Amino acid sequence: MPTSIFVCDTGGMVVICAGTTGYNAVVDLRYLWMRQKRFQGSHFANDDQAKGLNDLVLAGKVDPCLGETYTFEQIGHTHQLMHDNKHPAGNMACLVSAPKKGMKELPL
């Protein structure tokens, strides 16, 4: 959480998702107030609903509008693309703990 607050621009917003953010967020509220930064909570779905959407994507019935997938090592590059407004159309994703693109499930 502290890193997200730091990289957020003055007047910007940090969007958090309870399931991925965790419950122990230590922040200096004075910094948020002085820089007019905002927190926005977000909720997508429970486990069954998330699996249902993943199944629809895998079946080709829902298009996630994924423009490009990058490796974890390319995260800095992807941020630079966004900063320069040169990112591909659609969403960008970075692989975390996945050795390659296109994996549908973790190997056993």
C-alpha atoms as a PDB file:
ATOM      1  CA  MET A   1       0.000   0.000   0.000  1.00  0.00           C
ATOM      2  CA  PRO A   2       2.720   2.565   0.778  1.00  0.00           C
ATOM      3  CA  THR A   3       4.240   2.089  -2.699  1.00  0.00           C
ATOM      4  CA  SER A   4       0.880   2.590  -4.397  1.00  0.00           C
ATOM      5  CA  ILE A   5       0.349   5.813  -2.479  1.00  0.00           C
ATOM      6  CA  PHE A   6       3.851   7.036  -3.332  1.00  0.00           C
ATOM      7  CA  VAL A   7       3.579   6.473  -7.106  1.00  0.00           C
ATOM      8  CA  CYS A   8       0.064   7.941  -7.291  1.00  0.00           C
ATOM      9  CA  ASP A   9       0.176  11.523  -8.566  1.00  0.00           C
ATOM     10  CA  THR A  10      -1.124  14.460  -6.525  1.00  0.00           C
ATOM     11  CA  GLY A  11      -4.897  14.506  -6.852  1.00  0.00           C
ATOM     12  CA  GLY A  12      -4.841  10.908  -8.094  1.00  0.00           C
ATOM     13  CA  MET A  13      -6.612   7.807  -6.883  1.00  0.00           C
ATOM     14  CA  VAL A  14      -5.432   4.406  -5.667  1.00  0.00           C
ATOM     15  CA  VAL A  15      -7.988   1.700  -6.444  1.00  0.00           C
ATOM     16  CA  ILE A  16      -7.863  -1.282  -4.111  1.00  0.00           C
ATOM     17  CA  CYS A  17      -9.516  -4.659  -4.353  1.00  0.00           C
ATOM     18  CA  ALA A  18     -10.067  -6.276  -0.967  1.00  0.00           C
ATOM     19  CA  GLY A  19      -9.164  -9.795  -2.069  1.00  0.00           C
ATOM     20  CA  THR A  20      -5.805  -8.800  -3.525  1.00  0.00           C
ATOM     21  CA  THR A  21      -4.888  -5.937  -1.242  1.00  0.00           C
ATOM     22  CA  GLY A  22      -5.080  -7.700   2.097  1.00  0.00           C
ATOM     23  CA  TYR A  23      -6.400  -6.467   5.395  1.00  0.00           C
ATOM     24  CA  ASN A  24      -3.361  -4.782   6.951  1.00  0.00           C
ATOM     25  CA  ALA A  25      -2.782  -1.510   5.084  1.00  0.00           C
ATOM     26  CA  VAL A  26      -0.416   0.825   6.923  1.00  0.00           C
ATOM     27  CA  VAL A  27      -0.603   4.343   5.477  1.00  0.00           C
ATOM     28  CA  ASP A  28       0.260   7.850   6.626  1.00  0.00           C
ATOM     29  CA  LEU A  29      -3.095   9.593   6.286  1.00  0.00           C
ATOM     30  CA  ARG A  30      -1.450  13.022   6.547  1.00  0.00           C
ATOM     31  CA  TYR A  31       0.321  12.336   3.241  1.00  0.00           C
ATOM     32  CA  LEU A  32      -2.963  11.413   1.569  1.00  0.00           C
ATOM     33  CA  TRP A  33      -4.662  14.524   2.881  1.00  0.00           C
ATOM     34  CA  MET A  34      -1.873  16.967   1.976  1.00  0.00           C
ATOM     35  CA  ARG A  35      -1.486  15.562  -1.544  1.00  0.00           C
ATOM     36  CA  GLN A  36      -5.262  15.172  -2.052  1.00  0.00           C
ATOM     37  CA  LYS A  37      -4.918  11.505  -2.946  1.00  0.00           C
ATOM     38  CA  ARG A  38      -7.963   9.236  -2.810  1.00  0.00           C
ATOM     39  CA  PHE A  39      -8.667   5.579  -2.123  1.00  0.00           C
ATOM     40  CA  GLN A  40     -11.386   3.794  -4.038  1.00  0.00           C
ATOM     41  CA  GLY A  41     -12.503   0.336  -3.055  1.00  0.00           C
ATOM     42  CA  SER A  42     -13.457  -2.076  -5.782  1.00  0.00           C
ATOM     43  CA  HIS A  43     -15.124  -5.479  -5.767  1.00  0.00           C
ATOM     44  CA  PHE A  44     -15.490  -7.809  -8.705  1.00  0.00           C
ATOM     45  CA  ALA A  45     -16.916 -11.132  -7.664  1.00  0.00           C
ATOM     46  CA  ASN A  46     -16.850 -14.042  -5.275  1.00  0.00           C
ATOM     47  CA  ASP A  47     -14.870 -17.189  -6.153  1.00  0.00           C
ATOM     48  CA  ASP A  48     -17.714 -18.903  -8.044  1.00  0.00           C
ATOM     49  CA  GLN A  49     -18.507 -15.793 -10.075  1.00  0.00           C
ATOM     50  CA  ALA A  50     -14.833 -15.227 -10.939  1.00  0.00           C
ATOM     51  CA  LYS A  51     -14.500 -18.844 -12.079  1.00  0.00           C
ATOM     52  CA  GLY A  52     -17.649 -18.445 -14.176  1.00  0.00           C
ATOM     53  CA  LEU A  53     -16.186 -15.419 -15.952  1.00  0.00           C
ATOM     54  CA  ASN A  54     -12.850 -17.190 -16.502  1.00  0.00           C
ATOM     55  CA  ASP A  55     -14.743 -20.107 -18.047  1.00  0.00           C
ATOM     56  CA  LEU A  56     -16.515 -17.710 -20.431  1.00  0.00           C
ATOM     57  CA  VAL A  57     -13.189 -16.156 -21.466  1.00  0.00           C
ATOM     58  CA  LEU A  58     -11.646 -19.597 -22.055  1.00  0.00           C
ATOM     59  CA  ALA A  59     -14.691 -20.608 -24.121  1.00  0.00           C
ATOM     60  CA  GLY A  60     -14.228 -17.491 -26.283  1.00  0.00           C
ATOM     61  CA  LYS A  61     -17.621 -16.052 -25.288  1.00  0.00           C
ATOM     62  CA  VAL A  62     -16.098 -13.014 -23.544  1.00  0.00           C
ATOM     63  CA  ASP A  63     -13.233 -10.960 -24.961  1.00  0.00           C
ATOM     64  CA  PRO A  64     -11.016  -9.512 -22.205  1.00  0.00           C
ATOM     65  CA  CYS A  65      -9.708  -6.898 -24.707  1.00  0.00           C
ATOM     66  CA  LEU A  66      -6.115  -7.870 -23.964  1.00  0.00           C
ATOM     67  CA  GLY A  67      -3.843  -5.770 -26.142  1.00  0.00           C
ATOM     68  CA  GLU A  68      -0.519  -7.262 -25.066  1.00  0.00           C
ATOM     69  CA  THR A  69       1.048  -9.461 -22.395  1.00  0.00           C
ATOM     70  CA  TYR A  70       4.504  -8.692 -21.024  1.00  0.00           C
ATOM     71  CA  THR A  71       6.936 -10.527 -18.771  1.00  0.00           C
ATOM     72  CA  PHE A  72       7.439  -9.490 -15.176  1.00  0.00           C
ATOM     73  CA  GLU A  73      10.833  -8.053 -16.148  1.00  0.00           C
ATOM     74  CA  GLN A  74       9.097  -5.718 -18.630  1.00  0.00           C
ATOM     75  CA  ILE A  75       6.907  -3.971 -16.038  1.00  0.00           C
ATOM     76  CA  GLY A  76       9.075  -0.846 -16.133  1.00  0.00           C
ATOM     77  CA  HIS A  77       8.765  -0.781 -19.921  1.00  0.00           C
ATOM     78  CA  THR A  78       4.974  -1.110 -19.765  1.00  0.00           C
ATOM     79  CA  HIS A  79       4.722   1.815 -17.360  1.00  0.00           C
ATOM     80  CA  GLN A  80       6.876   3.885 -19.699  1.00  0.00           C
ATOM     81  CA  LEU A  81       4.585   2.987 -22.612  1.00  0.00           C
ATOM     82  CA  MET A  82       1.591   4.232 -20.622  1.00  0.00           C
ATOM     83  CA  HIS A  83       3.426   7.394 -19.561  1.00  0.00           C
ATOM     84  CA  ASP A  84       4.352   8.153 -23.182  1.00  0.00           C
ATOM     85  CA  ASN A  85       0.826   7.235 -24.362  1.00  0.00           C
ATOM     86  CA  LYS A  86       2.333   4.608 -26.680  1.00  0.00           C
ATOM     87  CA  HIS A  87       0.706   1.532 -25.144  1.00  0.00           C
ATOM     88  CA  PRO A  88      -1.252  -0.894 -27.338  1.00  0.00           C
ATOM     89  CA  ALA A  89      -5.021  -0.651 -27.582  1.00  0.00           C
ATOM     90  CA  GLY A  90      -6.834  -2.714 -24.959  1.00  0.00           C
ATOM     91  CA  ASN A  91      -5.593  -3.897 -21.588  1.00  0.00           C
ATOM     92  CA  MET A  92      -1.995  -4.759 -20.796  1.00  0.00           C
ATOM     93  CA  ALA A  93      -1.054  -7.641 -18.522  1.00  0.00           C
ATOM     94  CA  CYS A  94       2.237  -8.676 -16.934  1.00  0.00           C
ATOM     95  CA  LEU A  95       2.978 -12.291 -16.092  1.00  0.00           C
ATOM     96  CA  VAL A  96       3.645 -12.896 -12.408  1.00  0.00           C
ATOM     97  CA  SER A  97       4.953 -16.363 -11.539  1.00  0.00           C
ATOM     98  CA  ALA A  98       3.965 -17.618 -14.998  1.00  0.00           C
ATOM     99  CA  PRO A  99       6.822 -18.817 -17.211  1.00  0.00           C
ATOM    100  CA  LYS A 100       5.104 -18.051 -20.535  1.00  0.00           C
ATOM    101  CA  LYS A 101       2.032 -16.600 -22.241  1.00  0.00           C
ATOM    102  CA  GLY A 102      -1.028 -18.726 -22.910  1.00  0.00           C
ATOM    103  CA  MET A 103      -0.960 -20.929 -19.817  1.00  0.00           C
ATOM    104  CA  LYS A 104      -4.479 -21.944 -18.848  1.00  0.00           C
ATOM    105  CA  GLU A 105      -3.565 -23.483 -15.502  1.00  0.00           C
ATOM    106  CA  LEU A 106      -0.589 -24.101 -13.287  1.00  0.00           C
ATOM    107  CA  PRO A 107       1.356 -27.302 -14.038  1.00  0.00           C
ATOM    108  CA  LEU A 108       1.168 -29.933 -11.320  1.00  0.00           C
END
